[in-house]
Amino acid sequence: MTEAQELSADAQHAADAKRYFAMLGRWWWLLLAGSALAGAAAFFITGTIQPTYQASATLLINQVETPGSIVYSDVLTSERLTQTYRELITKRPILESVVNKANEPGLTVGELSSKLDTKAVKDTQLVTVSVRDQSAERAARLANNVAQTFVETETSDAITRPGTTRIVEPAGVPSSPVSPNLRLNVALAVLLGLVLAGGLALLIEYMDDTVKSSEDVRFASGMPTLVEVGRLPHDKDRIPLSSRGLPMAEAETYAILRTNVQFSSIARPARVILIASANSGDGKSTTAANYALACAEAGKTVALLDADLRRPSLHRAFGLDNSSGLTNLLLKDAPLDASALLPTSHPNLFVIPSGPLPPNPTELLEWSGFDAVIEQLKSKVDLVVLDSAPLLAVADARILAAKADATILVADQGRTRAGALRAAYYAAARANANVLGVVLNKVRRGRGSYGSYYYERSYAAHDGRSKEHGRVPRPITALAASTIARSNGQGTGGHGGVIDVVLHRDAKRK
């Protein structure tokens, strides 16, 4: 593997790790809930378990009775004897003797054997006799009884020379239980809950095929992401507009969308643009309204046409009457007059609502009369923005995509499935649509991101206006526009559109 390949592999590993950490960050509440629930369960379950106490007595094994006569060979022999004595203590004769002598009602040899444990201390002549019981006092009594019984039995049976085994430390009553260990159980449960919650999050993410990033958009459709729009204030009755006090960062995204669309259509400027989505609720109407408003704010005359003849919403966004609109124009088959273009409170922005809902919307949009309306609009305004029904629900949007100069798809982060976005793109492509890219909508902004921190703290300070007004600075747009103008070889005049007007407005402001 070459150095370049190694660097690329390292970069890929770093990106994968970052992606995993970002995924876990999205599921922080699940990780917290999982660990908290597991810890709480361990706490309460441990509290219901009866504690167990352990008491231990220590025996000294000597080969000879007189300490002064001990030699090294005697010590080695005694160490070997500890292993033998350790086993002898647990044998049935000793246990039966303890049960018979002890005043412990209900105590059996089998029960005592299950409670008893012996251990030879390494490299010593010591043997510990331990007994576990749910009573601390009983554990101490039984440990001392076993130790004393063995000493007496060993002496009387002359297993070794008399007096070679003695108790050096009798068992005391333990003050704290050896089990259950509350702290350890809770810690292990919290760790287990964290691991299980993390695994569940990974499984959900693996099973979740919704688009969550620009990478997902490109993987699903092969199209670039034109802009990422954050979550806007929700109002079921009115579409949130950038002119109604949206956060500055989100208002700016529509200006960025306007600029990116201009870059995407330099060779053939798009004068009729369709805003579409795979499904309803993805935010196409909000995108259409705010994109049209961004172009109007740049000085371009814009006609926003509600071609969704099934569930229209643009009239509510601008507080307009929907009793007359596109359907009336199509049914009258009359020339488009100025009265059809309803002015809004925003300069340069006009709206043609859907009008009464027809029983045959698809046929109306296919009709040549609709083409005539579009041509008449192009003669009166600089830009026509179309809102439509979802691409996958009905055929309306596919018909409009074939008639528009360009199409922009809208996807809802965490809601639009990758397969649906792919199907929407293919549906538009089969209609010979010029799909420019995708608007990733309702993106969750993290702290420190461009939208939530950098822009607000850096650019807002130079704007000269309060960020509560939702206005955006113009110098960047003007610079981008001048770049486009130079690339396109356009001067002022004609349908230079946003480019010419933005530069003109900036000059006036100065």
Protein backbone atom coordinates (compact mmCIF):
# COMPACT_ATOMS: atom_id res chain seq x y z
CA MET A 1 0.00 0.00 0.00
CA THR A 2 1.38 3.40 -1.00
CA GLU A 3 1.66 6.36 1.34
CA ALA A 4 -1.20 8.11 -0.45
CA GLN A 5 -3.40 5.03 -0.07
CA GLU A 6 -2.54 4.80 3.61
CA LEU A 7 -3.43 8.45 4.11
CA SER A 8 -6.68 7.92 2.23
CA ALA A 9 -7.49 4.87 4.36
CA ASP A 10 -6.71 6.81 7.54
CA ALA A 11 -8.93 9.66 6.39
CA GLN A 12 -11.73 7.19 5.65
CA HIS A 13 -11.37 5.60 9.09
CA ALA A 14 -11.44 9.03 10.69
CA ALA A 15 -14.55 9.94 8.70
CA ASP A 16 -16.23 6.67 9.69
CA ALA A 17 -15.39 7.24 13.34
CA LYS A 18 -16.71 10.78 13.14
CA ARG A 19 -19.89 9.50 11.52
CA TYR A 20 -20.40 6.93 14.28
CA PHE A 21 -19.83 9.51 17.00
CA ALA A 22 -22.25 11.86 15.25
CA MET A 23 -24.80 9.07 15.12
CA LEU A 24 -24.38 8.39 18.84
CA GLY A 25 -24.73 12.11 19.43
CA ARG A 26 -28.10 12.05 17.69
CA TRP A 27 -29.18 9.23 20.00
CA TRP A 28 -27.78 10.69 23.23
CA TRP A 29 -31.20 10.54 24.85
CA LEU A 30 -31.44 6.79 24.14
CA LEU A 31 -27.98 6.19 25.60
CA LEU A 32 -28.89 8.23 28.67
CA ALA A 33 -32.25 6.54 29.08
CA GLY A 34 -30.79 3.05 28.61
CA SER A 35 -28.03 3.52 31.16
CA ALA A 36 -30.36 5.25 33.64
CA LEU A 37 -33.03 2.56 33.40
CA ALA A 38 -30.47 -0.24 33.73
CA GLY A 39 -28.85 1.45 36.73
CA ALA A 40 -32.22 2.04 38.40
CA ALA A 41 -33.25 -1.57 37.79
CA ALA A 42 -29.99 -2.84 39.28
CA PHE A 43 -30.43 -0.57 42.30
CA PHE A 44 -33.93 -1.80 43.07
CA ILE A 45 -33.21 -5.47 42.30
CA THR A 46 -30.10 -5.40 44.48
CA GLY A 47 -32.17 -3.88 47.26
CA THR A 48 -34.50 -6.89 47.20
CA ILE A 49 -31.69 -9.45 47.51
CA GLN A 50 -30.97 -10.62 51.06
CA PRO A 51 -27.34 -9.84 51.95
CA THR A 52 -24.76 -12.58 52.48
CA TYR A 53 -21.98 -12.33 55.07
CA GLN A 54 -18.64 -14.15 55.18
CA ALA A 55 -16.62 -15.00 58.27
CA SER A 56 -13.15 -16.61 58.21
CA ALA A 57 -10.99 -18.42 60.77
CA THR A 58 -7.25 -19.01 60.20
CA LEU A 59 -5.36 -22.21 61.06
CA LEU A 60 -1.58 -22.66 61.41
CA ILE A 61 -0.17 -26.02 60.31
CA ASN A 62 3.12 -27.13 61.92
CA GLN A 63 4.86 -30.45 61.55
CA VAL A 64 6.30 -30.42 65.08
CA GLU A 65 4.90 -29.32 68.39
CA THR A 66 7.97 -27.47 69.69
CA PRO A 67 8.74 -24.31 67.70
CA GLY A 68 12.39 -24.32 68.72
CA SER A 69 12.99 -27.58 66.95
CA ILE A 70 11.67 -26.45 63.56
CA VAL A 71 14.05 -26.79 60.63
CA TYR A 72 13.67 -25.86 56.97
CA SER A 73 12.59 -29.36 55.95
CA ASP A 74 9.84 -29.20 58.56
CA VAL A 75 8.56 -25.92 57.06
CA LEU A 76 8.43 -27.42 53.58
CA THR A 77 6.58 -30.42 54.92
CA SER A 78 4.11 -28.18 56.72
CA GLU A 79 3.44 -26.19 53.55
CA ARG A 80 2.62 -29.42 51.75
CA LEU A 81 0.40 -30.45 54.65
CA THR A 82 -1.71 -27.28 54.26
CA GLN A 83 -3.02 -28.55 50.94
CA THR A 84 -3.89 -31.89 52.49
CA TYR A 85 -5.53 -30.32 55.53
CA ARG A 86 -7.48 -27.93 53.32
CA GLU A 87 -9.11 -30.90 51.64
CA LEU A 88 -9.64 -32.80 54.89
CA ILE A 89 -11.59 -29.91 56.41
CA THR A 90 -14.29 -30.17 53.73
CA LYS A 91 -14.75 -33.95 54.04
CA ARG A 92 -17.89 -35.48 55.43
CA PRO A 93 -16.47 -36.72 58.78
CA ILE A 94 -15.52 -33.20 59.82
CA LEU A 95 -18.80 -31.73 58.58
CA GLU A 96 -20.92 -34.36 60.32
CA SER A 97 -19.08 -33.69 63.55
CA VAL A 98 -19.75 -29.95 63.21
CA VAL A 99 -23.46 -30.51 62.51
CA ASN A 100 -23.78 -32.84 65.49
CA LYS A 101 -22.03 -30.49 67.91
CA ALA A 102 -23.41 -27.21 66.66
CA ASN A 103 -26.65 -25.92 68.04
CA GLU A 104 -27.97 -24.88 64.60
CA PRO A 105 -31.55 -26.13 63.97
CA GLY A 106 -32.12 -27.37 60.43
CA LEU A 107 -28.42 -27.38 59.53
CA THR A 108 -27.45 -30.32 57.29
CA VAL A 109 -24.14 -31.59 55.99
CA GLY A 110 -25.04 -30.61 52.44
CA GLU A 111 -26.02 -27.09 53.49
CA LEU A 112 -22.83 -26.65 55.48
CA SER A 113 -20.76 -27.94 52.58
CA SER A 114 -22.33 -25.35 50.23
CA LYS A 115 -21.51 -22.57 52.71
CA LEU A 116 -17.94 -23.70 53.43
CA ASP A 117 -14.77 -22.73 51.59
CA THR A 118 -11.13 -23.36 52.47
CA LYS A 119 -8.01 -21.80 51.05
CA ALA A 120 -4.33 -22.44 51.58
CA VAL A 121 -2.41 -19.17 51.72
CA LYS A 122 0.40 -19.46 49.16
CA ASP A 123 3.95 -19.96 50.49
CA THR A 124 2.70 -20.10 54.09
CA GLN A 125 1.54 -22.68 56.61
CA LEU A 126 -1.87 -21.00 56.92
CA VAL A 127 -5.29 -22.31 55.97
CA THR A 128 -8.40 -20.09 56.04
CA VAL A 129 -11.80 -21.58 56.80
CA SER A 130 -14.60 -19.37 55.45
CA VAL A 131 -18.35 -19.72 55.83
CA ARG A 132 -21.00 -17.66 54.04
CA ASP A 133 -24.44 -17.16 55.53
CA GLN A 134 -27.25 -14.64 55.46
CA SER A 135 -26.65 -14.12 59.19
CA ALA A 136 -23.35 -12.52 60.16
CA GLU A 137 -23.40 -14.10 63.65
CA ARG A 138 -24.18 -17.57 62.30
CA ALA A 139 -21.40 -17.31 59.68
CA ALA A 140 -18.88 -16.54 62.45
CA ARG A 141 -20.15 -19.38 64.69
CA LEU A 142 -20.01 -21.96 61.90
CA ALA A 143 -16.51 -20.90 60.78
CA ASN A 144 -15.19 -21.20 64.33
CA ASN A 145 -16.99 -24.53 64.86
CA VAL A 146 -15.46 -26.01 61.69
CA ALA A 147 -11.97 -24.78 62.63
CA GLN A 148 -12.24 -26.02 66.25
CA THR A 149 -13.74 -29.36 65.23
CA PHE A 150 -10.91 -29.98 62.76
CA VAL A 151 -8.24 -29.11 65.34
CA GLU A 152 -9.82 -31.46 67.85
CA THR A 153 -10.27 -34.23 65.29
CA GLU A 154 -6.73 -33.89 63.97
CA THR A 155 -5.31 -34.09 67.46
CA SER A 156 -7.41 -37.03 68.60
CA ASP A 157 -6.84 -39.03 65.40
CA ALA A 158 -3.09 -38.28 65.45
CA ILE A 159 -3.02 -37.39 61.84
CA THR A 160 0.27 -35.70 62.66
CA ARG A 161 2.22 -35.25 65.85
CA PRO A 162 0.01 -33.81 68.63
CA GLY A 163 -0.41 -30.07 68.84
CA THR A 164 0.74 -29.30 65.30
CA THR A 165 -2.51 -27.55 64.23
CA ARG A 166 -4.02 -24.59 66.02
CA ILE A 167 -6.31 -21.63 65.45
CA VAL A 168 -4.27 -18.45 65.13
CA GLU A 169 -7.21 -16.14 64.32
CA PRO A 170 -10.81 -17.04 65.15
CA ALA A 171 -13.62 -15.76 62.94
CA GLY A 172 -15.17 -12.46 63.91
CA VAL A 173 -18.67 -11.22 63.15
CA PRO A 174 -18.50 -9.37 59.76
CA SER A 175 -19.86 -5.84 59.72
CA SER A 176 -20.69 -5.64 56.02
CA PRO A 177 -22.01 -8.17 53.51
CA VAL A 178 -19.89 -9.61 50.70
CA SER A 179 -22.89 -9.70 48.41
CA PRO A 180 -24.73 -8.14 46.81
CA ASN A 181 -22.30 -5.35 45.92
CA LEU A 182 -24.61 -2.42 45.24
CA ARG A 183 -22.03 -0.11 43.68
CA LEU A 184 -20.57 -2.81 41.46
CA ASN A 185 -23.99 -4.03 40.33
CA VAL A 186 -25.19 -0.52 39.49
CA ALA A 187 -21.94 0.32 37.65
CA LEU A 188 -22.08 -2.88 35.60
CA ALA A 189 -25.79 -2.33 34.86
CA VAL A 190 -25.15 1.25 33.69
CA LEU A 191 -22.35 0.02 31.43
CA LEU A 192 -24.53 -2.80 30.09
CA GLY A 193 -27.42 -0.39 29.51
CA LEU A 194 -25.09 1.96 27.65
CA VAL A 195 -23.82 -0.85 25.44
CA LEU A 196 -27.32 -2.16 24.71
CA ALA A 197 -28.65 1.33 23.98
CA GLY A 198 -25.69 1.98 21.68
CA GLY A 199 -26.33 -1.30 19.90
CA LEU A 200 -30.01 -0.43 19.54
CA ALA A 201 -29.08 2.99 18.12
CA LEU A 202 -26.75 1.34 15.61
CA LEU A 203 -29.49 -1.11 14.64
CA ILE A 204 -32.03 1.68 14.21
CA GLU A 205 -29.58 3.66 12.11
CA TYR A 206 -28.81 0.58 10.04
CA MET A 207 -32.50 -0.12 9.48
CA ASP A 208 -33.30 3.56 8.90
CA ASP A 209 -32.95 4.36 5.21
CA THR A 210 -33.91 8.03 5.43
CA VAL A 211 -31.55 10.70 4.13
CA LYS A 212 -29.69 12.50 6.90
CA SER A 213 -26.79 14.20 5.17
CA SER A 214 -25.53 15.49 1.86
CA GLU A 215 -23.66 12.21 1.46
CA ASP A 216 -26.93 10.31 1.78
CA VAL A 217 -28.52 12.60 -0.82
CA ARG A 218 -25.72 11.98 -3.31
CA PHE A 219 -25.76 8.23 -2.62
CA ALA A 220 -29.53 8.04 -3.11
CA SER A 221 -29.95 10.27 -6.14
CA GLY A 222 -26.50 11.07 -7.47
CA MET A 223 -27.42 14.75 -7.13
CA PRO A 224 -25.64 17.45 -5.16
CA THR A 225 -27.17 19.18 -2.17
CA LEU A 226 -27.83 22.77 -3.14
CA VAL A 227 -28.31 23.93 0.45
CA GLU A 228 -29.18 22.61 3.88
CA VAL A 229 -32.09 24.40 5.55
CA GLY A 230 -32.54 24.21 9.30
CA ARG A 231 -35.76 23.63 11.15
CA LEU A 232 -38.12 26.56 10.83
CA PRO A 233 -40.85 27.60 13.27
CA HIS A 234 -43.87 25.38 12.70
CA ASP A 235 -47.21 26.92 11.87
CA LYS A 236 -49.87 24.65 10.45
CA ASP A 237 -51.80 27.58 9.02
CA ARG A 238 -49.03 29.66 7.46
CA ILE A 239 -45.76 28.82 5.77
CA PRO A 240 -42.75 30.31 7.61
CA LEU A 241 -41.16 33.01 5.49
CA SER A 242 -37.70 34.53 5.78
CA SER A 243 -39.32 37.97 6.07
CA ARG A 244 -41.12 37.01 9.28
CA GLY A 245 -38.21 37.00 11.66
CA LEU A 246 -36.59 33.67 10.90
CA PRO A 247 -33.12 33.16 12.39
CA MET A 248 -30.60 34.92 10.24
CA ALA A 249 -28.74 31.75 9.43
CA GLU A 250 -31.87 30.09 8.05
CA ALA A 251 -32.88 33.19 6.09
CA GLU A 252 -29.43 33.21 4.54
CA THR A 253 -29.78 29.63 3.33
CA TYR A 254 -32.40 30.71 0.79
CA ALA A 255 -30.07 33.42 -0.50
CA ILE A 256 -27.42 30.71 -0.82
CA LEU A 257 -29.94 28.53 -2.67
CA ARG A 258 -30.62 31.40 -5.06
CA THR A 259 -26.90 31.81 -5.74
CA ASN A 260 -26.30 28.09 -6.18
CA VAL A 261 -29.17 27.82 -8.64
CA GLN A 262 -27.62 30.64 -10.63
CA PHE A 263 -24.29 28.82 -10.70
CA SER A 264 -26.03 25.60 -11.76
CA SER A 265 -27.74 27.22 -14.71
CA ILE A 266 -25.10 29.59 -16.07
CA ALA A 267 -25.08 28.05 -19.54
CA ARG A 268 -28.86 28.15 -19.83
CA PRO A 269 -30.49 30.49 -17.30
CA ALA A 270 -33.61 28.94 -15.87
CA ARG A 271 -36.66 31.17 -15.98
CA VAL A 272 -39.22 28.53 -14.97
CA ILE A 273 -38.20 26.54 -11.91
CA LEU A 274 -40.21 23.70 -10.37
CA ILE A 275 -39.89 22.94 -6.66
CA ALA A 276 -40.91 19.33 -6.08
CA SER A 277 -40.54 16.55 -3.53
CA ALA A 278 -41.05 12.82 -3.31
CA ASN A 279 -43.81 12.98 -0.70
CA SER A 280 -46.03 15.51 0.97
CA GLY A 281 -44.73 17.20 4.09
CA ASP A 282 -41.12 17.39 2.90
CA GLY A 283 -41.22 21.19 2.72
CA LYS A 284 -41.53 21.91 -1.01
CA SER A 285 -44.08 24.70 -0.56
CA THR A 286 -41.96 26.36 2.14
CA THR A 287 -38.92 26.10 -0.09
CA ALA A 288 -40.80 27.46 -3.12
CA ALA A 289 -42.13 30.45 -1.18
CA ASN A 290 -38.82 31.36 0.43
CA TYR A 291 -36.79 30.79 -2.73
CA ALA A 292 -39.15 33.06 -4.66
CA LEU A 293 -38.90 35.63 -1.87
CA ALA A 294 -35.08 35.48 -1.92
CA CYS A 295 -35.07 36.13 -5.67
CA ALA A 296 -37.54 38.99 -5.26
CA GLU A 297 -35.40 40.53 -2.51
CA ALA A 298 -32.52 40.50 -4.98
CA GLY A 299 -34.60 42.66 -7.33
CA LYS A 300 -35.95 40.07 -9.71
CA THR A 301 -39.67 40.16 -10.52
CA VAL A 302 -40.99 36.76 -9.53
CA ALA A 303 -44.31 35.02 -10.14
CA LEU A 304 -44.94 32.26 -7.60
CA LEU A 305 -47.46 29.89 -9.18
CA ASP A 306 -49.32 27.39 -7.02
CA ALA A 307 -49.65 24.47 -9.42
CA ASP A 308 -50.60 22.07 -6.63
CA LEU A 309 -54.22 21.65 -7.67
CA ARG A 310 -54.89 19.08 -4.96
CA ARG A 311 -53.64 20.57 -1.67
CA PRO A 312 -52.66 24.20 -2.36
CA SER A 313 -51.07 26.22 0.44
CA LEU A 314 -49.31 29.26 -1.01
CA HIS A 315 -52.35 31.52 -0.66
CA ARG A 316 -52.29 30.95 3.11
CA ALA A 317 -48.59 31.75 3.26
CA PHE A 318 -49.21 35.25 1.91
CA GLY A 319 -52.73 35.77 3.24
CA LEU A 320 -54.37 35.83 -0.20
CA ASP A 321 -57.80 34.88 -1.48
CA ASN A 322 -57.94 31.56 -3.30
CA SER A 323 -61.34 31.97 -4.88
CA SER A 324 -59.68 32.73 -8.20
CA GLY A 325 -56.39 31.58 -9.61
CA LEU A 326 -54.69 29.18 -12.00
CA THR A 327 -57.72 27.00 -12.66
CA ASN A 328 -59.74 30.06 -13.65
CA LEU A 329 -57.04 31.13 -16.11
CA LEU A 330 -56.97 27.67 -17.67
CA LEU A 331 -60.73 27.30 -17.93
CA LYS A 332 -61.28 30.80 -19.37
CA ASP A 333 -58.57 30.30 -21.94
CA ALA A 334 -58.12 34.07 -21.90
CA PRO A 335 -54.95 36.16 -22.07
CA LEU A 336 -53.19 36.67 -18.78
CA ASP A 337 -53.85 40.12 -17.40
CA ALA A 338 -52.25 41.99 -14.51
CA SER A 339 -55.14 41.21 -12.17
CA ALA A 340 -54.18 37.55 -12.15
CA LEU A 341 -50.83 38.38 -10.57
CA LEU A 342 -51.72 39.08 -6.96
CA PRO A 343 -49.21 41.42 -5.32
CA THR A 344 -47.77 40.58 -1.93
CA SER A 345 -46.32 42.73 0.82
CA HIS A 346 -42.91 41.97 -0.65
CA PRO A 347 -41.70 44.09 -3.58
CA ASN A 348 -41.27 42.24 -6.88
CA LEU A 349 -43.07 39.14 -5.64
CA PHE A 350 -46.44 38.13 -7.13
CA VAL A 351 -48.52 35.06 -6.45
CA ILE A 352 -50.99 33.17 -8.61
CA PRO A 353 -52.95 30.91 -6.27
CA SER A 354 -54.35 27.60 -7.42
CA GLY A 355 -57.95 28.74 -7.50
CA PRO A 356 -60.85 26.30 -7.06
CA LEU A 357 -59.75 22.68 -7.03
CA PRO A 358 -60.66 20.94 -10.29
CA PRO A 359 -61.77 17.31 -10.64
CA ASN A 360 -59.11 16.70 -13.33
CA PRO A 361 -55.88 18.48 -12.28
CA THR A 362 -53.61 16.24 -14.34
CA GLU A 363 -55.52 16.96 -17.55
CA LEU A 364 -55.47 20.69 -16.88
CA LEU A 365 -51.70 20.72 -16.39
CA GLU A 366 -51.16 18.63 -19.54
CA TRP A 367 -53.32 21.00 -21.59
CA SER A 368 -51.62 23.41 -23.93
CA GLY A 369 -53.42 26.23 -22.17
CA PHE A 370 -51.05 25.81 -19.24
CA ASP A 371 -48.08 26.25 -21.59
CA ALA A 372 -49.67 29.47 -22.82
CA VAL A 373 -50.02 30.75 -19.24
CA ILE A 374 -46.34 30.04 -18.60
CA GLU A 375 -45.28 31.83 -21.78
CA GLN A 376 -47.37 34.86 -20.88
CA LEU A 377 -45.86 34.89 -17.39
CA LYS A 378 -42.35 34.82 -18.84
CA SER A 379 -43.16 37.93 -20.82
CA LYS A 380 -44.21 39.78 -17.67
CA VAL A 381 -41.75 38.62 -14.98
CA ASP A 382 -38.13 37.57 -14.73
CA LEU A 383 -38.70 34.28 -12.95
CA VAL A 384 -41.58 31.80 -12.56
CA VAL A 385 -41.45 29.48 -9.54
CA LEU A 386 -43.82 26.50 -9.56
CA ASP A 387 -45.12 24.59 -6.57
CA SER A 388 -46.63 21.20 -7.28
CA ALA A 389 -48.06 18.03 -5.86
CA PRO A 390 -45.55 15.35 -4.74
CA LEU A 391 -43.75 13.50 -7.51
CA LEU A 392 -44.56 10.01 -6.28
CA ALA A 393 -48.19 10.60 -5.37
CA VAL A 394 -49.61 11.72 -8.73
CA ALA A 395 -48.41 12.54 -12.23
CA ASP A 396 -48.85 16.32 -11.87
CA ALA A 397 -45.27 17.12 -10.89
CA ARG A 398 -43.83 14.97 -13.70
CA ILE A 399 -45.85 16.97 -16.23
CA LEU A 400 -44.60 20.22 -14.72
CA ALA A 401 -41.00 18.95 -14.62
CA ALA A 402 -41.12 18.43 -18.38
CA LYS A 403 -42.36 22.00 -18.88
CA ALA A 404 -39.96 23.74 -16.47
CA ASP A 405 -36.45 24.89 -17.30
CA ALA A 406 -35.10 23.40 -14.09
CA THR A 407 -36.31 21.28 -11.20
CA ILE A 408 -35.23 21.37 -7.56
CA LEU A 409 -36.04 18.42 -5.31
CA VAL A 410 -36.71 18.85 -1.59
CA ALA A 411 -35.92 16.15 0.96
CA ASP A 412 -36.76 16.15 4.66
CA GLN A 413 -33.83 15.07 6.84
CA GLY A 414 -34.72 11.95 8.78
CA ARG A 415 -38.09 11.62 7.05
CA THR A 416 -37.58 11.25 3.30
CA ARG A 417 -36.44 7.72 2.52
CA ALA A 418 -33.48 7.24 0.26
CA GLY A 419 -35.54 4.98 -1.99
CA ALA A 420 -38.27 7.61 -2.28
CA LEU A 421 -35.76 10.34 -3.18
CA ARG A 422 -34.18 8.04 -5.76
CA ALA A 423 -37.60 7.23 -7.22
CA ALA A 424 -38.48 10.94 -7.35
CA TYR A 425 -35.27 11.74 -9.19
CA TYR A 426 -35.85 8.93 -11.71
CA ALA A 427 -39.44 10.07 -12.20
CA ALA A 428 -38.27 13.59 -13.00
CA ALA A 429 -35.45 12.28 -15.20
CA ARG A 430 -37.86 10.15 -17.22
CA ALA A 431 -39.82 13.34 -17.88
CA ASN A 432 -36.59 14.85 -19.33
CA ALA A 433 -36.41 17.28 -16.42
CA ASN A 434 -33.29 19.31 -15.75
CA VAL A 435 -32.78 18.44 -12.07
CA LEU A 436 -30.30 20.88 -10.54
CA GLY A 437 -30.00 19.28 -7.12
CA VAL A 438 -31.63 18.71 -3.77
CA VAL A 439 -32.56 20.99 -0.89
CA LEU A 440 -32.04 19.07 2.36
CA ASN A 441 -34.75 20.44 4.60
CA LYS A 442 -35.31 20.55 8.37
CA VAL A 443 -31.67 19.89 9.19
CA ARG A 444 -30.78 19.72 12.87
CA ARG A 445 -28.12 22.32 13.54
CA GLY A 446 -25.38 21.41 16.01
CA ARG A 447 -23.73 24.01 18.21
CA GLY A 448 -20.67 25.36 16.54
CA SER A 449 -22.06 24.85 13.07
CA TYR A 450 -22.14 27.55 10.47
CA GLY A 451 -25.76 28.33 11.00
CA SER A 452 -26.02 28.28 14.77
CA TYR A 453 -22.86 30.00 15.88
CA TYR A 454 -20.35 31.13 13.28
CA TYR A 455 -22.73 33.09 11.15
CA GLU A 456 -24.68 34.63 14.00
CA ARG A 457 -21.61 35.77 15.90
CA SER A 458 -19.36 36.77 13.01
CA TYR A 459 -21.43 38.08 10.14
CA ALA A 460 -24.32 39.52 12.07
CA ALA A 461 -21.98 42.01 13.72
CA HIS A 462 -21.24 43.55 10.32
CA ASP A 463 -24.76 43.59 8.99
CA GLY A 464 -25.87 46.80 10.62
CA ARG A 465 -29.34 45.42 11.37
CA SER A 466 -30.88 43.39 14.19
CA LYS A 467 -30.84 39.68 13.54
CA GLU A 468 -34.41 39.46 14.79
CA HIS A 469 -35.55 40.90 11.48
CA GLY A 470 -34.29 37.85 9.64
CA ARG A 471 -32.48 39.94 7.02
CA VAL A 472 -29.27 38.81 5.41
CA PRO A 473 -26.16 40.75 4.42
CA ARG A 474 -25.71 41.49 0.72
CA PRO A 475 -21.95 41.74 0.05
CA ILE A 476 -21.44 37.99 -0.37
CA THR A 477 -24.40 37.75 -2.72
CA ALA A 478 -23.14 40.66 -4.76
CA LEU A 479 -19.69 39.13 -5.04
CA ALA A 480 -21.14 35.82 -6.15
CA ALA A 481 -23.38 37.61 -8.61
CA SER A 482 -20.51 39.53 -10.14
CA THR A 483 -18.59 36.29 -10.53
CA ILE A 484 -21.52 34.71 -12.30
CA ALA A 485 -21.88 37.73 -14.54
CA ARG A 486 -18.25 37.58 -15.58
CA SER A 487 -18.49 33.82 -16.21
CA ASN A 488 -21.64 34.29 -18.27
CA GLY A 489 -20.37 37.25 -20.17
CA GLN A 490 -23.47 39.28 -19.33
CA GLY A 491 -23.72 42.93 -18.72
CA THR A 492 -26.60 44.88 -17.39
CA GLY A 493 -29.97 44.77 -18.99
CA GLY A 494 -32.17 42.04 -20.45
CA HIS A 495 -32.77 39.17 -18.17
CA GLY A 496 -29.54 39.37 -16.31
CA GLY A 497 -31.99 38.91 -13.49
CA VAL A 498 -30.63 38.58 -10.00
CA ILE A 499 -27.10 39.38 -11.05
CA ASP A 500 -27.78 42.81 -12.48
CA VAL A 501 -30.35 43.83 -9.92
CA VAL A 502 -28.28 42.78 -6.87
CA LEU A 503 -25.32 44.78 -8.07
CA HIS A 504 -27.62 47.71 -8.78
CA ARG A 505 -29.23 47.55 -5.36
CA ASP A 506 -25.88 47.31 -3.61
CA ALA A 507 -24.70 50.35 -5.50
CA LYS A 508 -27.80 52.27 -4.44
CA ARG A 509 -27.28 51.32 -0.82
CA LYS A 510 -23.77 52.69 -0.91
